[in-house]
């Protein structure tokens, strides 16, 4: 008689899930693929509790994290999709909550969507006190340094006490964590959302008719799309300036809104949104289109109808981008700024994007006009959902096996 089949590994994944954000979209894409091989429970981070400044609601946020931590104790392995801004508003609050969850796991991985690098005291920002925005830069630098030091303290404790691994999105970050900081188990894989057959089906079925706001545009309109929250680091002003240099047939589509956390009571308009609206003056009103934030499926469909997907981002230390990942999976024409993140992705997936210098609208316009790289239909990416799923499955099985002989965390 054949023995019983081994029980499926129970993976608890901590992430935003029921939210309009990139990490939630990534988790929603990843979980169904993992569930073919293991039992996956997503523990959704309640942003209404965790990002509220009222003391009583903040206390409820702490209780919410402690409740999640209690449930993590029963899982064979735990993965935390870590973006600091989803856990709280201040370094002590964020690190305290993260520590509770990390301590509860028998076997643990952190997926670092951003890798903070600890630095010394930012004397440059202090000495530039008279420069515009210097105080804000100083506060941000101190905030980042405290998060970096605290995160490394928690990760070193975790590595001593339990099977522990890190997942990042680029080889540069993996080398930093492995060679500079000395972590033993570090894996890297670009973000991945769409299986190849799903991407092919989207390309074949997507139509401009799916978006009523495009109905008034002439058939020869060239659509340049920018995707994601309307944030200063996206460099959207560069794209608007580039639009002035492009033929009138070119239109800029902004698929995204201001993030809800940026709204302030009684504020008539978000400052960055105001800058964008003002930049559309001088004849661009009919060529810049604010398309709103589509849900996941429509987000990819919107990319598929664009002639060019533009990512004119500023360099802010970002180590991943869901927008460029989906655009590459769809085989879109991609024009991206030469940030460290996009340069690294270009090395991992060569020949699939055109690059231009950060903040240069002339070069951006020239890249949009020139024939650019666009892989042939059906060309497989060197990194995709299959390899990403295999990484998650292999790593968590290995760590869970290492924890099986250990007593459960009290």
Protein backbone atom coordinates (compact mmCIF):
# COMPACT_ATOMS: atom_id res chain seq x y z
CA UNK A 1 0.00 0.00 0.00
CA UNK A 2 1.37 3.41 -0.95
CA UNK A 3 2.06 5.82 1.86
CA UNK A 4 -0.03 8.88 2.40
CA UNK A 5 0.92 11.99 0.47
CA UNK A 6 2.99 14.47 2.47
CA UNK A 7 1.00 17.43 3.79
CA UNK A 8 1.24 20.65 1.81
CA UNK A 9 3.41 23.36 3.26
CA UNK A 10 1.45 26.08 5.04
CA UNK A 11 2.77 29.50 4.05
CA UNK A 12 1.50 32.64 5.76
CA UNK A 13 2.06 35.78 3.68
CA UNK A 14 1.81 39.20 5.32
CA UNK A 15 1.01 41.94 2.83
CA UNK A 16 -1.41 44.61 1.83
CA UNK A 17 -4.02 42.85 -0.27
CA UNK A 18 -7.35 44.63 -0.48
CA UNK A 19 -5.69 47.92 -1.44
CA UNK A 20 -4.90 49.95 -4.54
CA UNK A 21 -1.12 49.69 -4.30
CA UNK A 22 1.74 47.97 -6.08
CA UNK A 23 2.56 45.48 -3.31
CA UNK A 24 -1.07 44.41 -3.03
CA UNK A 25 -1.19 43.90 -6.80
CA UNK A 26 1.98 41.82 -6.68
CA UNK A 27 0.63 39.66 -3.87
CA UNK A 28 -2.68 39.17 -5.66
CA UNK A 29 -0.75 37.98 -8.73
CA UNK A 30 1.66 35.74 -6.81
CA UNK A 31 -0.70 33.93 -4.45
CA UNK A 32 -2.76 31.96 -7.03
CA UNK A 33 0.47 30.68 -8.60
CA UNK A 34 1.83 29.53 -5.23
CA UNK A 35 -1.43 27.84 -4.26
CA UNK A 36 -0.84 25.18 -6.88
CA UNK A 37 2.00 23.87 -4.69
CA UNK A 38 1.23 24.93 -1.11
CA UNK A 39 -1.44 26.25 1.22
CA UNK A 40 -1.19 30.04 1.28
CA UNK A 41 -2.95 32.32 3.75
CA UNK A 42 -2.69 36.06 3.17
CA UNK A 43 -2.82 38.22 6.28
CA UNK A 44 -3.93 41.61 5.04
CA UNK A 45 -2.37 44.70 6.62
CA UNK A 46 -5.22 47.07 7.51
CA UNK A 47 -3.98 50.44 6.31
CA UNK A 48 -6.85 52.29 7.96
CA UNK A 49 -5.54 51.20 11.36
CA UNK A 50 -1.81 51.14 10.72
CA UNK A 51 -1.47 54.58 9.12
CA UNK A 52 -3.73 56.58 11.42
CA UNK A 53 -2.18 59.16 13.74
CA UNK A 54 -4.94 59.13 16.38
CA UNK A 55 -3.48 57.47 19.52
CA UNK A 56 -6.47 55.16 20.11
CA UNK A 57 -6.58 54.03 16.49
CA UNK A 58 -2.81 53.59 16.49
CA UNK A 59 -3.22 51.31 19.51
CA UNK A 60 -5.75 49.31 17.50
CA UNK A 61 -3.10 49.07 14.79
CA UNK A 62 -0.69 47.56 17.31
CA UNK A 63 -3.37 45.05 18.35
CA UNK A 64 -3.99 44.22 14.68
CA UNK A 65 -0.29 43.35 14.21
CA UNK A 66 -0.23 41.29 17.43
CA UNK A 67 -3.25 39.35 16.16
CA UNK A 68 -1.43 38.68 12.89
CA UNK A 69 1.68 37.58 14.81
CA UNK A 70 -0.39 35.08 16.81
CA UNK A 71 -1.63 33.51 13.59
CA UNK A 72 1.88 33.34 12.14
CA UNK A 73 2.97 30.93 14.88
CA UNK A 74 0.93 28.11 13.31
CA UNK A 75 2.40 28.40 9.80
CA UNK A 76 5.23 26.21 8.53
CA UNK A 77 6.84 29.30 6.98
CA UNK A 78 6.14 33.03 6.89
CA UNK A 79 6.79 35.56 4.13
CA UNK A 80 6.46 39.30 4.82
CA UNK A 81 6.12 41.52 1.77
CA UNK A 82 7.95 44.43 3.36
CA UNK A 83 7.40 48.03 2.44
CA UNK A 84 7.89 50.20 5.52
CA UNK A 85 5.09 52.59 4.62
CA UNK A 86 2.48 49.85 5.01
CA UNK A 87 3.32 49.25 8.69
CA UNK A 88 3.21 52.72 10.19
CA UNK A 89 4.32 56.32 10.06
CA UNK A 90 7.42 56.55 12.28
CA UNK A 91 10.55 54.35 12.50
CA UNK A 92 9.87 53.22 16.11
CA UNK A 93 6.29 52.26 15.27
CA UNK A 94 7.24 50.48 12.04
CA UNK A 95 10.13 48.55 13.56
CA UNK A 96 8.17 47.58 16.68
CA UNK A 97 5.37 46.09 14.59
CA UNK A 98 7.75 44.36 12.22
CA UNK A 99 9.65 42.86 15.14
CA UNK A 100 6.51 41.32 16.62
CA UNK A 101 5.75 39.51 13.37
CA UNK A 102 9.31 38.39 12.71
CA UNK A 103 9.64 36.96 16.22
CA UNK A 104 6.49 34.84 15.76
CA UNK A 105 7.70 32.95 12.67
CA UNK A 106 9.33 29.52 12.82
CA UNK A 107 10.84 29.93 9.34
CA UNK A 108 10.86 33.40 7.82
CA UNK A 109 11.53 35.31 4.61
CA UNK A 110 11.32 39.01 3.97
CA UNK A 111 10.64 40.24 0.46
CA UNK A 112 12.31 43.65 0.50
CA UNK A 113 10.61 45.92 -2.01
CA UNK A 114 13.11 48.59 -1.06
CA UNK A 115 16.51 48.00 0.52
CA UNK A 116 17.44 50.89 2.82
CA UNK A 117 21.15 51.48 3.15
CA UNK A 118 22.33 52.83 6.51
CA UNK A 119 24.40 55.97 6.25
CA UNK A 120 26.10 58.31 8.66
CA UNK A 121 24.63 61.56 9.91
CA UNK A 122 23.52 63.56 6.82
CA UNK A 123 25.76 66.56 7.46
CA UNK A 124 25.32 67.78 3.90
CA UNK A 125 21.62 68.28 4.46
CA UNK A 126 22.28 69.96 7.80
CA UNK A 127 24.88 72.37 6.39
CA UNK A 128 22.56 73.20 3.49
CA UNK A 129 19.97 74.48 5.93
CA UNK A 130 19.35 77.58 3.88
CA UNK A 131 18.69 75.69 0.65
CA UNK A 132 15.07 75.11 -0.43
CA UNK A 133 13.75 71.84 0.95
CA UNK A 134 16.89 71.14 2.98
CA UNK A 135 15.03 70.51 6.23
CA UNK A 136 12.70 68.03 4.55
CA UNK A 137 15.67 66.21 3.03
CA UNK A 138 17.36 66.12 6.43
CA UNK A 139 14.26 64.65 8.11
CA UNK A 140 13.90 62.07 5.33
CA UNK A 141 17.58 61.09 5.63
CA UNK A 142 17.31 60.64 9.40
CA UNK A 143 14.10 58.63 8.95
CA UNK A 144 15.79 56.38 6.37
CA UNK A 145 18.88 55.87 8.52
CA UNK A 146 16.81 54.85 11.55
CA UNK A 147 14.80 52.39 9.47
CA UNK A 148 17.94 50.90 7.93
CA UNK A 149 19.71 50.40 11.27
CA UNK A 150 16.59 48.98 12.88
CA UNK A 151 15.86 46.62 10.00
CA UNK A 152 19.38 45.19 10.00
CA UNK A 153 19.19 44.68 13.77
CA UNK A 154 15.94 42.71 13.37
CA UNK A 155 17.25 40.70 10.44
CA UNK A 156 20.44 39.70 12.25
CA UNK A 157 18.41 38.59 15.25
CA UNK A 158 16.14 36.56 12.96
CA UNK A 159 19.07 34.88 11.24
CA UNK A 160 20.50 33.78 14.62
CA UNK A 161 17.21 32.41 15.93
CA UNK A 162 15.41 30.71 13.02
CA UNK A 163 15.76 29.65 9.39
CA UNK A 164 15.74 32.98 7.60
CA UNK A 165 16.03 34.26 4.05
CA UNK A 166 15.75 37.44 2.03
CA UNK A 167 14.20 38.01 -1.38
CA UNK A 168 15.07 41.16 -3.31
CA UNK A 169 14.42 42.24 -6.88
CA UNK A 170 17.89 42.86 -8.27
CA UNK A 171 21.39 41.41 -8.30
CA UNK A 172 22.87 44.64 -6.94
CA UNK A 173 20.73 44.49 -3.79
CA UNK A 174 21.48 40.78 -3.39
CA UNK A 175 25.23 41.46 -3.52
CA UNK A 176 24.88 44.29 -1.01
CA UNK A 177 23.04 42.09 1.47
CA UNK A 178 25.21 39.03 0.92
CA UNK A 179 28.70 40.52 0.54
CA UNK A 180 28.54 43.72 2.57
CA UNK A 181 26.12 42.74 5.32
CA UNK A 182 26.88 39.02 5.39
CA UNK A 183 23.39 37.50 5.26
CA UNK A 184 23.60 33.83 4.35
CA UNK A 185 20.40 33.27 2.35
CA UNK A 186 19.65 35.97 -0.22
CA UNK A 187 17.69 35.38 -3.44
CA UNK A 188 16.78 37.86 -6.13
CA UNK A 189 14.13 37.98 -8.84
CA UNK A 190 12.48 40.89 -10.65
CA UNK A 191 8.81 41.50 -9.96
CA UNK A 192 6.57 39.24 -12.03
CA UNK A 193 2.82 39.50 -12.54
CA UNK A 194 1.55 37.89 -15.75
CA UNK A 195 2.10 34.33 -16.97
CA UNK A 196 3.10 34.29 -20.63
CA UNK A 197 -0.24 32.92 -21.86
CA UNK A 198 -2.17 35.56 -19.90
CA UNK A 199 0.03 38.33 -21.31
CA UNK A 200 -0.51 37.02 -24.85
CA UNK A 201 -4.29 36.92 -24.37
CA UNK A 202 -4.31 40.48 -23.06
CA UNK A 203 -2.30 41.77 -26.01
CA UNK A 204 -4.67 40.10 -28.45
CA UNK A 205 -7.89 41.24 -26.83
CA UNK A 206 -7.08 44.77 -25.59
CA UNK A 207 -8.66 47.61 -27.54
CA UNK A 208 -8.86 51.37 -27.24
CA UNK A 209 -12.62 50.88 -27.14
CA UNK A 210 -12.13 49.46 -23.63
CA UNK A 211 -11.49 53.02 -22.42
CA UNK A 212 -14.32 55.50 -23.13
CA UNK A 213 -12.02 58.49 -22.54
CA UNK A 214 -10.09 57.51 -25.67
CA UNK A 215 -13.17 57.44 -27.92
CA UNK A 216 -12.74 61.06 -29.01
CA UNK A 217 -9.13 60.56 -30.12
CA UNK A 218 -8.44 60.11 -33.84
CA UNK A 219 -7.36 56.65 -35.04
CA UNK A 220 -3.84 57.90 -35.79
CA UNK A 221 -3.29 59.15 -32.22
CA UNK A 222 -0.04 57.87 -30.72
CA UNK A 223 -0.62 56.94 -27.09
CA UNK A 224 2.18 57.38 -24.54
CA UNK A 225 1.19 55.92 -21.18
CA UNK A 226 2.48 56.54 -17.66
CA UNK A 227 1.22 54.22 -14.93
CA UNK A 228 0.94 54.29 -11.15
CA UNK A 229 0.30 56.82 -8.42
CA UNK A 230 0.90 60.46 -9.33
CA UNK A 231 4.00 61.09 -7.23
CA UNK A 232 6.91 63.52 -7.65
CA UNK A 233 9.48 60.75 -8.18
CA UNK A 234 7.60 59.57 -11.29
CA UNK A 235 9.05 62.52 -13.26
CA UNK A 236 5.77 63.22 -15.03
CA UNK A 237 6.72 66.84 -15.68
CA UNK A 238 9.56 65.54 -17.86
CA UNK A 239 7.01 63.63 -19.95
CA UNK A 240 4.78 66.71 -20.27
CA UNK A 241 7.74 68.78 -21.44
CA UNK A 242 8.63 66.03 -23.93
CA UNK A 243 5.06 66.11 -25.23
CA UNK A 244 5.58 69.74 -26.30
CA UNK A 245 8.38 68.53 -28.58
CA UNK A 246 6.37 65.69 -30.11
CA UNK A 247 3.96 65.92 -33.08
CA UNK A 248 0.36 66.85 -32.20
CA UNK A 249 -0.71 63.28 -32.92
CA UNK A 250 1.01 62.20 -29.67
CA UNK A 251 -1.09 62.07 -26.49
CA UNK A 252 0.01 61.47 -22.89
CA UNK A 253 -2.20 59.17 -20.79
CA UNK A 254 -1.75 59.27 -17.01
CA UNK A 255 -3.16 56.08 -15.53
CA UNK A 256 -3.09 56.80 -11.81
CA UNK A 257 -4.33 59.05 -9.03
CA UNK A 258 -2.88 60.81 -6.02
CA UNK A 259 -2.31 58.26 -3.24
CA UNK A 260 -4.99 58.59 -0.57
CA UNK A 261 -2.34 58.96 2.16
CA UNK A 262 -1.21 62.24 0.58
CA UNK A 263 -4.57 63.95 0.97
CA UNK A 264 -4.79 66.51 3.78
CA UNK A 265 -7.98 67.86 5.40
CA UNK A 266 -9.33 70.97 3.67
CA UNK A 267 -6.50 70.90 1.11
CA UNK A 268 -8.02 72.09 -2.19
CA UNK A 269 -5.56 70.11 -4.35
CA UNK A 270 -2.48 67.99 -3.81
CA UNK A 271 0.61 70.16 -4.47
CA UNK A 272 2.13 67.78 -6.99
CA UNK A 273 -1.15 67.33 -8.82
CA UNK A 274 -1.40 71.12 -8.99
CA UNK A 275 2.04 71.26 -10.60
CA UNK A 276 0.96 68.73 -13.21
CA UNK A 277 -2.24 70.58 -14.01
CA UNK A 278 -0.35 73.85 -14.37
CA UNK A 279 2.23 72.15 -16.61
CA UNK A 280 -0.58 71.19 -19.00
CA UNK A 281 -1.17 74.83 -19.91
CA UNK A 282 -0.08 76.38 -23.17
CA UNK A 283 -2.04 74.14 -25.50
CA UNK A 284 -1.55 70.71 -23.94
CA UNK A 285 -4.99 70.49 -22.35
CA UNK A 286 -6.35 68.26 -25.14
CA UNK A 287 -3.22 66.07 -25.27
CA UNK A 288 -2.75 65.16 -21.59
CA UNK A 289 -5.40 62.81 -20.27
CA UNK A 290 -5.92 61.96 -16.59
CA UNK A 291 -7.27 58.43 -16.87
CA UNK A 292 -7.70 57.51 -13.20
CA UNK A 293 -6.49 54.31 -11.52
CA UNK A 294 -7.74 51.17 -13.24
CA UNK A 295 -8.00 47.85 -11.34
CA UNK A 296 -5.39 45.15 -11.90
CA UNK A 297 -6.82 43.58 -15.07
CA UNK A 298 -7.62 46.93 -16.68
CA UNK A 299 -4.18 48.26 -15.68
CA UNK A 300 -2.48 45.68 -17.90
CA UNK A 301 -5.08 46.14 -20.63
CA UNK A 302 -4.38 49.88 -20.63
CA UNK A 303 -0.68 49.21 -21.13
CA UNK A 304 -1.45 46.91 -24.03
CA UNK A 305 -3.30 49.65 -25.95
CA UNK A 306 -0.49 52.21 -25.53
CA UNK A 307 2.05 52.66 -28.30
CA UNK A 308 4.74 53.52 -25.74
CA UNK A 309 4.97 52.99 -21.99
CA UNK A 310 7.10 55.77 -20.47
CA UNK A 311 8.81 55.63 -17.08
CA UNK A 312 10.59 58.98 -16.63
CA UNK A 313 11.33 58.31 -12.95
CA UNK A 314 13.76 60.27 -10.80
CA UNK A 315 16.54 58.50 -8.90
CA UNK A 316 15.18 57.94 -5.40
CA UNK A 317 16.79 54.61 -4.53
CA UNK A 318 13.84 52.59 -5.77
CA UNK A 319 14.75 48.92 -6.32
CA UNK A 320 11.61 47.65 -8.09
CA UNK A 321 8.76 48.82 -10.28
CA UNK A 322 5.55 46.96 -10.94
CA UNK A 323 4.75 49.16 -13.91
CA UNK A 324 7.87 48.27 -15.88
CA UNK A 325 7.53 44.59 -14.95
CA UNK A 326 4.03 44.38 -16.45
CA UNK A 327 5.04 46.42 -19.50
CA UNK A 328 7.90 44.03 -20.24
CA UNK A 329 5.68 40.99 -19.73
CA UNK A 330 3.23 42.43 -22.24
CA UNK A 331 6.01 43.12 -24.76
CA UNK A 332 5.27 46.86 -24.80
CA UNK A 333 7.62 49.46 -26.22
CA UNK A 334 9.25 50.78 -23.04
CA UNK A 335 11.17 54.04 -22.64
CA UNK A 336 12.65 54.44 -19.16
CA UNK A 337 15.00 56.81 -17.38
CA UNK A 338 18.51 55.68 -16.50
CA UNK A 339 17.91 55.09 -12.79
CA UNK A 340 19.95 52.40 -11.04
CA UNK A 341 16.84 50.25 -10.85
CA UNK A 342 16.10 50.39 -14.58
CA UNK A 343 19.76 50.02 -15.56
CA UNK A 344 19.93 46.87 -13.46
CA UNK A 345 16.73 45.54 -15.05
CA UNK A 346 18.11 46.32 -18.50
CA UNK A 347 21.16 44.19 -17.72
CA UNK A 348 18.95 41.34 -16.51
CA UNK A 349 16.66 41.57 -19.56
CA UNK A 350 18.76 43.18 -22.32
CA UNK A 351 17.28 44.61 -25.49
CA UNK A 352 13.79 45.20 -24.14
CA UNK A 353 13.76 48.92 -23.31
CA UNK A 354 15.14 52.25 -24.48
CA UNK A 355 16.85 54.38 -21.84
CA UNK A 356 17.27 58.15 -21.51
CA UNK A 357 18.94 60.41 -18.95
CA UNK A 358 16.85 61.35 -15.93
CA UNK A 359 15.06 64.67 -16.42
CA UNK A 360 15.94 65.15 -20.12
CA UNK A 361 12.67 65.84 -22.03
CA UNK A 362 14.52 66.27 -25.34
CA UNK A 363 16.02 62.79 -25.19
CA UNK A 364 12.73 61.32 -23.99
CA UNK A 365 10.93 62.81 -27.01
CA UNK A 366 13.65 61.51 -29.32
CA UNK A 367 13.43 58.01 -27.84
CA UNK A 368 9.66 58.01 -28.28
CA UNK A 369 9.99 59.04 -31.94
CA UNK A 370 12.79 56.62 -32.79
CA UNK A 371 12.08 52.94 -33.50
CA UNK A 372 12.74 51.26 -30.20
CA UNK A 373 13.29 47.75 -28.89
CA UNK A 374 10.16 45.64 -28.75
CA UNK A 375 10.54 41.87 -28.46
CA UNK A 376 8.75 39.71 -30.99
CA UNK A 377 5.37 38.41 -29.90
CA UNK A 378 5.77 35.28 -27.78
CA UNK A 379 9.43 35.92 -26.88
CA UNK A 380 9.90 34.59 -23.36
CA UNK A 381 11.44 36.78 -20.66
CA UNK A 382 14.53 35.43 -18.89
CA UNK A 383 12.65 36.06 -15.61
CA UNK A 384 8.92 35.48 -15.32
CA UNK A 385 6.14 34.19 -13.12
CA UNK A 386 7.27 30.56 -13.47
CA UNK A 387 10.80 31.25 -12.22
CA UNK A 388 9.49 33.57 -9.49
CA UNK A 389 7.02 30.95 -8.26
CA UNK A 390 9.73 28.28 -8.28
CA UNK A 391 11.99 30.53 -6.19
CA UNK A 392 9.30 31.10 -3.55
CA UNK A 393 8.37 27.42 -3.38
CA UNK A 394 11.94 26.11 -3.19
CA UNK A 395 13.11 28.65 -0.64
CA UNK A 396 10.18 28.27 1.75
CA UNK A 397 10.26 24.47 1.60
CA UNK A 398 13.96 24.50 2.41
CA UNK A 399 13.56 26.90 5.34
CA UNK A 400 10.50 25.05 6.67
CA UNK A 401 12.45 21.80 6.57
CA UNK A 402 15.20 23.45 8.59
CA UNK A 403 12.65 24.53 11.19
CA UNK A 404 10.87 21.18 11.44
CA UNK A 405 13.21 19.84 14.13
CA UNK A 406 13.00 23.02 16.20
CA UNK A 407 10.33 23.66 18.86
CA UNK A 408 7.63 26.11 17.94
CA UNK A 409 8.28 29.72 18.92
CA UNK A 410 6.59 30.49 22.21
